C-alpha atoms as a PDB file:
ATOM      1  CA  SER A   1     -61.653  16.261-102.650  1.00  0.00           C
ATOM      2  CA  ALA A   2     -60.205  18.051 -99.650  1.00  0.00           C
ATOM      3  CA  ARG A   3     -59.799  16.095 -96.492  1.00  0.00           C
ATOM      4  CA  ARG A   4     -61.694  16.974 -93.387  1.00  0.00           C
ATOM      5  CA  THR A   5     -60.090  19.386 -90.894  1.00  0.00           C
ATOM      6  CA  CYS A   6     -60.761  19.329 -87.184  1.00  0.00           C
ATOM      7  CA  GLY A   7     -62.525  22.200 -85.432  1.00  0.00           C
ATOM      8  CA  ALA A   8     -62.092  24.090 -82.200  1.00  0.00           C
ATOM      9  CA  GLY A   9     -62.147  21.738 -79.227  1.00  0.00           C
ATOM     10  CA  GLU A  10     -60.990  18.766 -81.314  1.00  0.00           C
ATOM     11  CA  ARG A  11     -57.797  16.966 -82.316  1.00  0.00           C
ATOM     12  CA  VAL A  12     -57.046  14.486 -85.079  1.00  0.00           C
ATOM     13  CA  ALA A  13     -57.910  10.938 -84.045  1.00  0.00           C
ATOM     14  CA  SER A  14     -56.834   9.356 -87.342  1.00  0.00           C
ATOM     15  CA  HIS A  15     -55.363  10.948 -90.451  1.00  0.00           C
ATOM     16  CA  GLY A  16     -57.067   8.319 -92.600  1.00  0.00           C
ATOM     17  CA  ASP A  17     -55.652   7.121 -95.896  1.00  0.00           C
ATOM     18  CA  HIS A  18     -56.486   7.278 -99.601  1.00  0.00           C
ATOM     19  CA  SER A  19     -59.839   5.585 -98.999  1.00  0.00           C
ATOM     20  CA  THR A  20     -60.889   7.018 -95.606  1.00  0.00           C
ATOM     21  CA  ASP A  21     -61.202  10.565 -94.426  1.00  0.00           C
ATOM     22  CA  ARG A  22     -59.502  12.073 -91.422  1.00  0.00           C
ATOM     23  CA  THR A  23     -61.391  11.625 -88.104  1.00  0.00           C
ATOM     24  CA  CYS A  24     -61.429  13.967 -85.130  1.00  0.00           C
ATOM     25  CA  THR A  25     -62.117  13.525 -81.441  1.00  0.00           C
ATOM     26  CA  SER A  26     -62.858  16.008 -78.641  1.00  0.00           C
ATOM     27  CA  CYS A  27     -60.075  17.371 -76.486  1.00  0.00           C
ATOM     28  CA  ALA A  28     -60.062  15.546 -73.164  1.00  0.00           C
ATOM     29  CA  GLY A  29     -59.135  16.376 -69.583  1.00  0.00           C
ATOM     30  CA  ASP A  30     -57.463  19.713 -68.959  1.00  0.00           C
ATOM     31  CA  THR A  31     -56.709  20.396 -72.653  1.00  0.00           C
ATOM     32  CA  PHE A  32     -58.098  22.680 -75.361  1.00  0.00           C
ATOM     33  CA  GLN A  33     -57.814  23.604 -79.067  1.00  0.00           C
ATOM     34  CA  THR A  34     -58.730  27.091 -80.312  1.00  0.00           C
ATOM     35  CA  SER A  35     -58.158  26.642 -84.053  1.00  0.00           C
ATOM     36  CA  SER A  36     -61.370  26.172 -86.026  1.00  0.00           C
ATOM     37  CA  SER A  37     -59.691  24.484 -89.009  1.00  0.00           C
ATOM     38  CA  HIS A  38     -56.585  22.416 -88.311  1.00  0.00           C
ATOM     39  CA  THR A  39     -54.868  19.051 -88.606  1.00  0.00           C
ATOM     40  CA  ALA A  40     -53.154  18.959 -85.183  1.00  0.00           C
ATOM     41  CA  ASP A  41     -52.709  15.584 -83.491  1.00  0.00           C
ATOM     42  CA  ALA A  42     -52.843  17.006 -79.957  1.00  0.00           C
ATOM     43  CA  CYS A  43     -54.732  19.514 -77.871  1.00  0.00           C
ATOM     44  CA  SER A  44     -52.831  22.017 -75.734  1.00  0.00           C
ATOM     45  CA  ALA A  45     -52.636  21.797 -71.955  1.00  0.00           C
ATOM     46  CA  ARG A  46     -54.528  24.573 -70.191  1.00  0.00           C
ATOM     47  CA  ARG A  47     -52.562  27.220 -68.333  1.00  0.00           C
ATOM     48  CA  THR A  48     -51.859  26.757 -64.604  1.00  0.00           C
ATOM     49  CA  CYS A  49     -52.167  29.924 -62.516  1.00  0.00           C
ATOM     50  CA  GLY A  50     -48.980  31.012 -60.788  1.00  0.00           C
ATOM     51  CA  ALA A  51     -48.323  32.226 -57.266  1.00  0.00           C
ATOM     52  CA  GLY A  52     -50.142  35.522 -56.726  1.00  0.00           C
ATOM     53  CA  GLU A  53     -52.820  34.605 -59.310  1.00  0.00           C
ATOM     54  CA  ARG A  54     -56.269  33.033 -59.187  1.00  0.00           C
ATOM     55  CA  VAL A  55     -58.490  31.573 -61.906  1.00  0.00           C
ATOM     56  CA  ALA A  56     -60.588  34.137 -63.786  1.00  0.00           C
ATOM     57  CA  SER A  57     -62.067  31.590 -66.217  1.00  0.00           C
ATOM     58  CA  HIS A  58     -61.488  27.839 -66.228  1.00  0.00           C
ATOM     59  CA  GLY A  59     -61.830  27.688 -69.999  1.00  0.00           C
ATOM     60  CA  ASP A  60     -63.244  24.673 -71.818  1.00  0.00           C
ATOM     61  CA  TYR A  61     -62.221  22.350 -74.620  1.00  0.00           C
ATOM     62  CA  ARG A  62     -62.124  25.370 -77.024  1.00  0.00           C
ATOM     63  CA  SER A  63     -60.396  27.948 -74.795  1.00  0.00           C
ATOM     64  CA  ASP A  64     -57.482  28.232 -72.379  1.00  0.00           C
ATOM     65  CA  ARG A  65     -57.797  28.968 -68.661  1.00  0.00           C
ATOM     66  CA  SER A  66     -57.238  32.630 -67.770  1.00  0.00           C
ATOM     67  CA  CYS A  67     -55.771  33.948 -64.521  1.00  0.00           C
ATOM     68  CA  VAL A  68     -55.874  37.330 -62.751  1.00  0.00           C
ATOM     69  CA  ILE A  69     -53.822  38.727 -59.895  1.00  0.00           C
ATOM     70  CA  CYS A  70     -55.138  38.342 -56.366  1.00  0.00           C
ATOM     71  CA  PRO A  71     -57.494  41.146 -55.265  1.00  0.00           C
ATOM     72  CA  ALA A  72     -56.670  43.597 -52.482  1.00  0.00           C
ATOM     73  CA  GLY A  73     -56.552  41.908 -49.067  1.00  0.00           C
ATOM     74  CA  GLN A  74     -55.446  38.569 -50.532  1.00  0.00           C
ATOM     75  CA  TYR A  75     -52.340  36.645 -51.594  1.00  0.00           C
ATOM     76  CA  LYS A  76     -51.490  33.212 -53.005  1.00  0.00           C
ATOM     77  CA  ASP A  77     -48.311  31.366 -52.079  1.00  0.00           C
ATOM     78  CA  THR A  78     -48.785  28.315 -54.294  1.00  0.00           C
ATOM     79  CA  ILE A  79     -48.793  27.490 -57.986  1.00  0.00           C
ATOM     80  CA  GLY A  80     -52.075  25.985 -59.101  1.00  0.00           C
ATOM     81  CA  ASN A  81     -55.688  26.767 -59.727  1.00  0.00           C
ATOM     82  CA  ASP A  82     -56.778  27.246 -56.132  1.00  0.00           C
ATOM     83  CA  ASP A  83     -58.152  30.485 -54.662  1.00  0.00           C
ATOM     84  CA  CYS A  84     -56.151  33.315 -53.161  1.00  0.00           C
ATOM     85  CA  LYS A  85     -55.847  33.345 -49.371  1.00  0.00           C
ATOM     86  CA  LEU A  86     -57.161  36.123 -47.129  1.00  0.00           C
ATOM     87  CA  CYS A  87     -54.948  38.408 -45.059  1.00  0.00           C
ATOM     88  CA  GLY A  88     -55.626  37.667 -41.389  1.00  0.00           C
ATOM     89  CA  TRP A  89     -57.377  39.655 -38.672  1.00  0.00           C
ATOM     90  CA  GLY A  90     -55.378  42.756 -37.811  1.00  0.00           C
ATOM     91  CA  TRP A  91     -53.701  42.716 -41.245  1.00  0.00           C
ATOM     92  CA  TYR A  92     -54.511  44.269 -44.622  1.00  0.00           C
ATOM     93  CA  GLN A  93     -53.303  44.660 -48.191  1.00  0.00           C
ATOM     94  CA  ALA A  94     -54.328  47.848 -49.968  1.00  0.00           C
ATOM     95  CA  HIS A  95     -53.979  46.876 -53.642  1.00  0.00           C
ATOM     96  CA  ALA A  96     -54.524  43.971 -56.001  1.00  0.00           C
ATOM     97  CA  THR A  97     -51.124  42.384 -56.427  1.00  0.00           C
ATOM     98  CA  THR A  98     -49.222  39.286 -57.442  1.00  0.00           C
ATOM     99  CA  ALA A  99     -48.468  38.795 -53.747  1.00  0.00           C
ATOM    100  CA  ALA A 100     -47.006  35.346 -53.255  1.00  0.00           C
ATOM    101  CA  SER A 101     -46.788  35.162 -49.463  1.00  0.00           C
ATOM    102  CA  ALA A 102     -48.579  36.170 -46.272  1.00  0.00           C
ATOM    103  CA  SER A 103     -45.724  38.616 -45.650  1.00  0.00           C
ATOM    104  CA  SER A 104     -47.234  40.803 -48.400  1.00  0.00           C
ATOM    105  CA  CYS A 105     -50.045  41.617 -45.945  1.00  0.00           C
ATOM    106  CA  THR A 106     -49.338  44.614 -43.697  1.00  0.00           C
ATOM    107  CA  GLN A 107     -49.989  44.857 -39.956  1.00  0.00           C
ATOM    108  CA  CYS A 108     -52.520  47.435 -38.813  1.00  0.00           C
ATOM    109  CA  SER A 109     -50.726  50.143 -36.821  1.00  0.00           C
ATOM    110  CA  LYS A 110     -51.221  50.983 -33.161  1.00  0.00           C
ATOM    111  CA  GLY A 111     -54.494  52.886 -32.773  1.00  0.00           C
ATOM    112  CA  GLN A 112     -56.035  50.802 -35.573  1.00  0.00           C
ATOM    113  CA  PHE A 113     -57.638  47.378 -35.931  1.00  0.00           C
ATOM    114  CA  GLN A 114     -59.159  45.060 -38.523  1.00  0.00           C
ATOM    115  CA  ASP A 115     -61.878  42.607 -37.539  1.00  0.00           C
ATOM    116  CA  ARG A 116     -62.385  41.239 -41.059  1.00  0.00           C
ATOM    117  CA  LEU A 117     -60.344  38.694 -43.016  1.00  0.00           C
ATOM    118  CA  GLY A 118     -59.127  39.780 -46.462  1.00  0.00           C
ATOM    119  CA  ALA A 119     -59.283  43.512 -45.739  1.00  0.00           C
ATOM    120  CA  ASP A 120     -57.842  46.262 -47.921  1.00  0.00           C
ATOM    121  CA  ASP A 121     -57.438  48.779 -45.072  1.00  0.00           C
ATOM    122  CA  CYS A 122     -57.511  49.187 -41.290  1.00  0.00           C
ATOM    123  CA  LYS A 123     -60.084  50.945 -39.113  1.00  0.00           C
ATOM    124  CA  ALA A 124     -59.228  53.601 -36.513  1.00  0.00           C
ATOM    125  CA  CYS A 125     -60.163  52.914 -32.903  1.00  0.00           C
ATOM    126  CA  SER A 126     -63.211  54.993 -31.951  1.00  0.00           C
ATOM    127  CA  GLN A 127     -63.246  57.588 -29.172  1.00  0.00           C
ATOM    128  CA  GLY A 128     -63.150  56.014 -25.715  1.00  0.00           C
ATOM    129  CA  HIS A 129     -61.105  53.100 -27.085  1.00  0.00           C
ATOM    130  CA  TYR A 130     -57.430  52.494 -27.757  1.00  0.00           C
ATOM    131  CA  ASN A 131     -54.988  49.981 -29.160  1.00  0.00           C
ATOM    132  CA  ASP A 132     -51.357  49.983 -28.058  1.00  0.00           C
ATOM    133  CA  GLU A 133     -50.286  47.000 -30.201  1.00  0.00           C
ATOM    134  CA  GLU A 134     -49.974  46.316 -33.926  1.00  0.00           C
ATOM    135  CA  ALA A 135     -51.941  43.689 -35.884  1.00  0.00           C
ATOM    136  CA  GLN A 136     -54.986  43.611 -33.622  1.00  0.00           C
ATOM    137  CA  PRO A 137     -58.520  42.462 -34.506  1.00  0.00           C
ATOM    138  CA  MET A 138     -60.140  44.917 -32.051  1.00  0.00           C
ATOM    139  CA  CYS A 139     -59.588  47.969 -29.863  1.00  0.00           C
ATOM    140  CA  PHE A 140     -59.882  48.034 -26.090  1.00  0.00           C
ATOM    141  CA  ASP A 141     -62.134  50.162 -23.853  1.00  0.00           C
ATOM    142  CA  CYS A 142     -60.430  52.903 -21.877  1.00  0.00           C
ATOM    143  CA  PRO A 143     -60.747  51.710 -18.251  1.00  0.00           C
ATOM    144  CA  SER A 144     -62.670  53.643 -15.601  1.00  0.00           C
ATOM    145  CA  GLY A 145     -60.662  56.634 -14.377  1.00  0.00           C
ATOM    146  CA  LYS A 146     -59.351  57.238 -17.920  1.00  0.00           C
ATOM    147  CA  PHE A 147     -60.706  58.655 -21.179  1.00  0.00           C
ATOM    148  CA  ASN A 148     -59.883  59.228 -24.810  1.00  0.00           C
ATOM    149  CA  ASN A 149     -61.546  61.884 -26.975  1.00  0.00           C
ATOM    150  CA  ALA A 150     -59.736  61.172 -30.250  1.00  0.00           C
ATOM    151  CA  GLY A 151     -60.136  58.397 -32.782  1.00  0.00           C
ATOM    152  CA  GLY A 152     -57.127  56.224 -33.630  1.00  0.00           C
ATOM    153  CA  ALA A 153     -55.668  56.479 -30.116  1.00  0.00           C
ATOM    154  CA  GLN A 154     -52.813  54.360 -28.832  1.00  0.00           C
ATOM    155  CA  LEU A 155     -53.507  55.166 -25.161  1.00  0.00           C
ATOM    156  CA  CYS A 156     -56.039  56.635 -22.745  1.00  0.00           C
ATOM    157  CA  HIS A 157     -55.541  59.705 -20.533  1.00  0.00           C
ATOM    158  CA  ALA A 158     -56.006  59.722 -16.744  1.00  0.00           C
ATOM    159  CA  CYS A 159     -58.665  62.033 -15.331  1.00  0.00           C
ATOM    160  CA  ASP A 160     -57.110  65.101 -13.693  1.00  0.00           C
ATOM    161  CA  SER A 161     -57.404  65.975 -10.020  1.00  0.00           C
ATOM    162  CA  GLY A 162     -60.905  67.343  -9.330  1.00  0.00           C
ATOM    163  CA  GLN A 163     -62.378  65.071 -12.022  1.00  0.00           C
ATOM    164  CA  PHE A 164     -63.467  61.437 -12.122  1.00  0.00           C
ATOM    165  CA  GLN A 165     -64.829  58.794 -14.490  1.00  0.00           C
ATOM    166  CA  PRO A 166     -66.530  55.704 -13.032  1.00  0.00           C
ATOM    167  CA  SER A 167     -67.290  54.082 -16.415  1.00  0.00           C
ATOM    168  CA  ALA A 168     -65.146  52.486 -19.111  1.00  0.00           C
ATOM    169  CA  ALA A 169     -64.969  53.527 -22.802  1.00  0.00           C
ATOM    170  CA  GLN A 170     -65.574  57.239 -22.147  1.00  0.00           C
ATOM    171  CA  THR A 171     -64.546  60.355 -24.080  1.00  0.00           C
ATOM    172  CA  GLY A 172     -64.080  62.634 -21.066  1.00  0.00           C
ATOM    173  CA  CYS A 173     -64.165  62.974 -17.273  1.00  0.00           C
ATOM    174  CA  LYS A 174     -66.791  64.432 -14.962  1.00  0.00           C
ATOM    175  CA  SER A 175     -66.120  67.267 -12.490  1.00  0.00           C
ATOM    176  CA  CYS A 176     -66.409  66.529  -8.797  1.00  0.00           C
ATOM    177  CA  ALA A 177     -69.291  68.283  -6.995  1.00  0.00           C
ATOM    178  CA  ALA A 178     -68.478  71.388  -4.942  1.00  0.00           C
ATOM    179  CA  GLY A 179     -66.534  70.445  -1.819  1.00  0.00           C
ATOM    180  CA  LYS A 180     -65.690  66.981  -3.147  1.00  0.00           C
ATOM    181  CA  PHE A 181     -62.327  65.756  -4.339  1.00  0.00           C
ATOM    182  CA  SER A 182     -61.282  62.900  -6.578  1.00  0.00           C
ATOM    183  CA  THR A 183     -59.903  59.924  -4.724  1.00  0.00           C
ATOM    184  CA  SER A 184     -58.454  56.466  -5.313  1.00  0.00           C
ATOM    185  CA  GLY A 185     -56.393  57.603  -8.236  1.00  0.00           C
ATOM    186  CA  THR A 186     -52.908  58.544  -9.241  1.00  0.00           C
ATOM    187  CA  ASP A 187     -51.461  57.676 -12.619  1.00  0.00           C
ATOM    188  CA  ASP A 188     -54.375  55.250 -13.022  1.00  0.00           C
ATOM    189  CA  GLY A 189     -56.899  58.104 -13.050  1.00  0.00           C
ATOM    190  CA  TYR A 190     -59.707  59.010 -10.687  1.00  0.00           C
ATOM    191  CA  VAL A 191     -62.845  56.903 -10.475  1.00  0.00           C
ATOM    192  CA  THR A 192     -64.760  58.582  -7.598  1.00  0.00           C
ATOM    193  CA  CYS A 193     -65.051  61.830  -5.643  1.00  0.00           C
ATOM    194  CA  THR A 194     -65.493  62.076  -1.860  1.00  0.00           C
END
């Protein structure tokens, strides 16, 4: 009669002889066997994910490990089955990629920020705020005497003569009352009228 064959997830433990049948044992450790009818003495080692990849499925004794590229906002600079790393605050990565280093993340431009790790884009500074540096996790309030009425600004504008702004983070200046003039300001903007 035909000798026994081993199934998926097994390997031959003993081929037997003319009086004993073949015996099988389960694949052990990080190994697998997909064939459902075989006489192989060994199981195959599972795949190790490369740089820029993370584990999609760990597999089991009947299937190999599968890997996928890191999602947007992430990278992986090591070989192995660990997770992808997140781009830092003030940085982003727009697309899923086999990025293998933190340098694959891009700095947010001036006028933008990112306050989240692992981001796939940057956010524009809101009106009344600015950012004059790259790779920032936040925008800054326009100081008193200055304003900004556009999103994504890299700077704030000083209030003109005859106008003032006593508060920070504003989108415009106020006009001085009749007979009053803005004071205590030059290039820094006007904060009061007298």
